[in-house]
Amino acid sequence: MTHNRRDMLGLAAATLAATAIPAAAQEAKPRYGLIGQMLSAPGKRDELVGYLKDAISAMPGCLSYVVALDTANPDALWITEVWDSRESHAASLKLPAVRAAIAKARPIIAGFPQHFETVPVAGI
């Protein structure tokens, strides 16, 4: 192998090493996501949104919590959640503010027709 070719291979290897994903990032725990549709009792969607807003203030490990109106059903909501882990999500259900919001909302929740667990891998 010529000296020039060896230098080029060395440079290519150094460049590749510099752009490689750090080991810590490769070993990162996968995130946990939920997407679900929630139905309110007829005419109670806005009240339900209010209860959900009350519960989302301080939830450790919650990276994103979005409550959206369903455009096709006046009594439906879509909730999209991203958590740093499944354990953080489970712990959030034990928080006093979340438990209080669930207790207030339970009488006007008509169902959860769709629910999906996800593994978020990218987003803002």
C-alpha atoms as a PDB file:
ATOM      1  CA  MET A   1       0.000   0.000   0.000  1.00  0.00           C
ATOM      2  CA  THR A   2       1.396   3.394  -0.895  1.00  0.00           C
ATOM      3  CA  HIS A   3       1.984   6.102   1.674  1.00  0.00           C
ATOM      4  CA  ASN A   4      -0.722   8.343   0.109  1.00  0.00           C
ATOM      5  CA  ARG A   5      -3.337   5.617   0.154  1.00  0.00           C
ATOM      6  CA  ARG A   6      -2.550   4.754   3.792  1.00  0.00           C
ATOM      7  CA  ASP A   7      -2.928   8.432   4.739  1.00  0.00           C
ATOM      8  CA  MET A   8      -6.293   8.638   2.950  1.00  0.00           C
ATOM      9  CA  LEU A   9      -7.556   5.530   4.733  1.00  0.00           C
ATOM     10  CA  GLY A  10      -6.397   6.948   8.063  1.00  0.00           C
ATOM     11  CA  LEU A  11      -8.171  10.231   7.357  1.00  0.00           C
ATOM     12  CA  ALA A  12     -11.359   8.395   6.374  1.00  0.00           C
ATOM     13  CA  ALA A  13     -11.244   6.314   9.576  1.00  0.00           C
ATOM     14  CA  ALA A  14     -10.726   9.439  11.706  1.00  0.00           C
ATOM     15  CA  THR A  15     -13.633  11.196  10.006  1.00  0.00           C
ATOM     16  CA  LEU A  16     -15.895   8.207  10.551  1.00  0.00           C
ATOM     17  CA  ALA A  17     -14.911   7.991  14.213  1.00  0.00           C
ATOM     18  CA  ALA A  18     -15.611  11.699  14.719  1.00  0.00           C
ATOM     19  CA  THR A  19     -19.142  11.387  13.338  1.00  0.00           C
ATOM     20  CA  ALA A  20     -20.047   8.137  15.078  1.00  0.00           C
ATOM     21  CA  ILE A  21     -22.889   8.157  17.588  1.00  0.00           C
ATOM     22  CA  PRO A  22     -21.519   8.334  21.149  1.00  0.00           C
ATOM     23  CA  ALA A  23     -21.773   5.069  23.083  1.00  0.00           C
ATOM     24  CA  ALA A  24     -23.987   6.710  25.740  1.00  0.00           C
ATOM     25  CA  ALA A  25     -26.533   7.718  23.085  1.00  0.00           C
ATOM     26  CA  GLN A  26     -26.566   4.217  21.605  1.00  0.00           C
ATOM     27  CA  GLU A  27     -27.403   2.760  25.004  1.00  0.00           C
ATOM     28  CA  ALA A  28     -30.144   5.290  25.820  1.00  0.00           C
ATOM     29  CA  LYS A  29     -33.354   3.858  27.169  1.00  0.00           C
ATOM     30  CA  PRO A  30     -36.179   3.980  24.623  1.00  0.00           C
ATOM     31  CA  ARG A  31     -38.848   6.592  25.195  1.00  0.00           C
ATOM     32  CA  TYR A  32     -42.453   5.636  25.818  1.00  0.00           C
ATOM     33  CA  GLY A  33     -45.383   7.078  23.912  1.00  0.00           C
ATOM     34  CA  LEU A  34     -49.143   6.894  24.010  1.00  0.00           C
ATOM     35  CA  ILE A  35     -51.723   8.077  21.507  1.00  0.00           C
ATOM     36  CA  GLY A  36     -55.338   7.664  22.484  1.00  0.00           C
ATOM     37  CA  GLN A  37     -58.812   8.824  21.675  1.00  0.00           C
ATOM     38  CA  MET A  38     -61.015   9.777  24.610  1.00  0.00           C
ATOM     39  CA  LEU A  39     -64.760  10.319  24.390  1.00  0.00           C
ATOM     40  CA  SER A  40     -66.674  12.668  26.648  1.00  0.00           C
ATOM     41  CA  ALA A  41     -70.314  12.459  27.570  1.00  0.00           C
ATOM     42  CA  PRO A  42     -72.345  14.390  24.957  1.00  0.00           C
ATOM     43  CA  GLY A  43     -71.648  18.110  25.186  1.00  0.00           C
ATOM     44  CA  LYS A  44     -68.996  17.712  27.903  1.00  0.00           C
ATOM     45  CA  ARG A  45     -65.809  17.822  25.801  1.00  0.00           C
ATOM     46  CA  ASP A  46     -64.774  21.347  26.841  1.00  0.00           C
ATOM     47  CA  GLU A  47     -65.240  20.462  30.513  1.00  0.00           C
ATOM     48  CA  LEU A  48     -63.107  17.337  29.999  1.00  0.00           C
ATOM     49  CA  VAL A  49     -60.379  19.417  28.318  1.00  0.00           C
ATOM     50  CA  GLY A  50     -60.347  21.657  31.393  1.00  0.00           C
ATOM     51  CA  TYR A  51     -59.772  18.706  33.719  1.00  0.00           C
ATOM     52  CA  LEU A  52     -56.988  17.376  31.511  1.00  0.00           C
ATOM     53  CA  LYS A  53     -55.293  20.790  31.446  1.00  0.00           C
ATOM     54  CA  ASP A  54     -55.312  20.845  35.258  1.00  0.00           C
ATOM     55  CA  ALA A  55     -53.369  17.575  35.386  1.00  0.00           C
ATOM     56  CA  ILE A  56     -50.499  18.409  33.041  1.00  0.00           C
ATOM     57  CA  SER A  57     -48.554  20.981  35.022  1.00  0.00           C
ATOM     58  CA  ALA A  58     -45.729  19.059  36.717  1.00  0.00           C
ATOM     59  CA  MET A  59     -45.262  15.481  35.601  1.00  0.00           C
ATOM     60  CA  PRO A  60     -41.622  14.385  35.956  1.00  0.00           C
ATOM     61  CA  GLY A  61     -40.427  12.519  32.882  1.00  0.00           C
ATOM     62  CA  CYS A  62     -43.147  13.909  30.619  1.00  0.00           C
ATOM     63  CA  LEU A  63     -41.525  15.270  27.465  1.00  0.00           C
ATOM     64  CA  SER A  64     -44.767  16.134  25.646  1.00  0.00           C
ATOM     65  CA  TYR A  65     -48.482  15.992  26.491  1.00  0.00           C
ATOM     66  CA  VAL A  66     -50.849  17.251  23.815  1.00  0.00           C
ATOM     67  CA  VAL A  67     -54.644  17.334  24.088  1.00  0.00           C
ATOM     68  CA  ALA A  68     -56.324  17.923  20.719  1.00  0.00           C
ATOM     69  CA  LEU A  69     -59.928  18.231  19.581  1.00  0.00           C
ATOM     70  CA  ASP A  70     -61.171  15.603  17.137  1.00  0.00           C
ATOM     71  CA  THR A  71     -62.479  17.469  14.076  1.00  0.00           C
ATOM     72  CA  ALA A  72     -64.887  14.676  13.102  1.00  0.00           C
ATOM     73  CA  ASN A  73     -66.508  14.025  16.486  1.00  0.00           C
ATOM     74  CA  PRO A  74     -67.644  16.883  18.765  1.00  0.00           C
ATOM     75  CA  ASP A  75     -67.326  14.648  21.843  1.00  0.00           C
ATOM     76  CA  ALA A  76     -63.863  13.223  21.120  1.00  0.00           C
ATOM     77  CA  LEU A  77     -60.309  14.190  22.033  1.00  0.00           C
ATOM     78  CA  TRP A  78     -56.924  12.841  21.006  1.00  0.00           C
ATOM     79  CA  ILE A  79     -54.175  12.727  23.602  1.00  0.00           C
ATOM     80  CA  THR A  80     -50.555  12.292  22.532  1.00  0.00           C
ATOM     81  CA  GLU A  81     -47.939  11.693  25.221  1.00  0.00           C
ATOM     82  CA  VAL A  82     -44.169  11.243  25.132  1.00  0.00           C
ATOM     83  CA  TRP A  83     -42.354  10.092  28.263  1.00  0.00           C
ATOM     84  CA  ASP A  84     -38.741   9.415  29.060  1.00  0.00           C
ATOM     85  CA  SER A  85     -39.834   5.932  30.182  1.00  0.00           C
ATOM     86  CA  ARG A  86     -42.834   3.705  30.837  1.00  0.00           C
ATOM     87  CA  GLU A  87     -42.006   3.963  34.549  1.00  0.00           C
ATOM     88  CA  SER A  88     -42.328   7.759  34.519  1.00  0.00           C
ATOM     89  CA  HIS A  89     -45.746   7.455  32.930  1.00  0.00           C
ATOM     90  CA  ALA A  90     -46.862   4.932  35.569  1.00  0.00           C
ATOM     91  CA  ALA A  91     -45.521   7.180  38.359  1.00  0.00           C
ATOM     92  CA  SER A  92     -47.454  10.162  36.970  1.00  0.00           C
ATOM     93  CA  LEU A  93     -50.730   8.348  37.591  1.00  0.00           C
ATOM     94  CA  LYS A  94     -49.943   8.436  41.321  1.00  0.00           C
ATOM     95  CA  LEU A  95     -49.386  12.200  41.519  1.00  0.00           C
ATOM     96  CA  PRO A  96     -52.032  14.019  43.621  1.00  0.00           C
ATOM     97  CA  ALA A  97     -52.872  16.529  40.849  1.00  0.00           C
ATOM     98  CA  VAL A  98     -53.293  13.768  38.273  1.00  0.00           C
ATOM     99  CA  ARG A  99     -55.400  11.637  40.624  1.00  0.00           C
ATOM    100  CA  ALA A 100     -57.637  14.648  41.402  1.00  0.00           C
ATOM    101  CA  ALA A 101     -58.114  15.402  37.693  1.00  0.00           C
ATOM    102  CA  ILE A 102     -58.978  11.754  36.978  1.00  0.00           C
ATOM    103  CA  ALA A 103     -61.529  11.751  39.807  1.00  0.00           C
ATOM    104  CA  LYS A 104     -63.191  14.918  38.438  1.00  0.00           C
ATOM    105  CA  ALA A 105     -63.148  13.711  34.839  1.00  0.00           C
ATOM    106  CA  ARG A 106     -64.264  10.103  35.382  1.00  0.00           C
ATOM    107  CA  PRO A 107     -68.037  10.881  35.482  1.00  0.00           C
ATOM    108  CA  ILE A 108     -67.935  12.568  32.060  1.00  0.00           C
ATOM    109  CA  ILE A 109     -65.584  10.160  30.276  1.00  0.00           C
ATOM    110  CA  ALA A 110     -67.647   8.009  27.913  1.00  0.00           C
ATOM    111  CA  GLY A 111     -64.832   5.767  26.727  1.00  0.00           C
ATOM    112  CA  PHE A 112     -61.445   5.164  25.152  1.00  0.00           C
ATOM    113  CA  PRO A 113     -62.208   3.658  21.727  1.00  0.00           C
ATOM    114  CA  GLN A 114     -58.620   3.781  20.427  1.00  0.00           C
ATOM    115  CA  HIS A 115     -55.306   3.505  22.242  1.00  0.00           C
ATOM    116  CA  PHE A 116     -51.811   2.918  20.880  1.00  0.00           C
ATOM    117  CA  GLU A 117     -48.477   2.509  22.647  1.00  0.00           C
ATOM    118  CA  THR A 118     -45.499   3.835  20.701  1.00  0.00           C
ATOM    119  CA  VAL A 119     -41.715   4.149  20.892  1.00  0.00           C
ATOM    120  CA  PRO A 120     -40.933   7.766  19.948  1.00  0.00           C
ATOM    121  CA  VAL A 121     -37.675   8.034  18.018  1.00  0.00           C
ATOM    122  CA  ALA A 122     -37.674  11.596  16.647  1.00  0.00           C
ATOM    123  CA  GLY A 123     -39.559  14.847  16.958  1.00  0.00           C
ATOM    124  CA  ILE A 124     -39.601  18.353  18.373  1.00  0.00           C
END
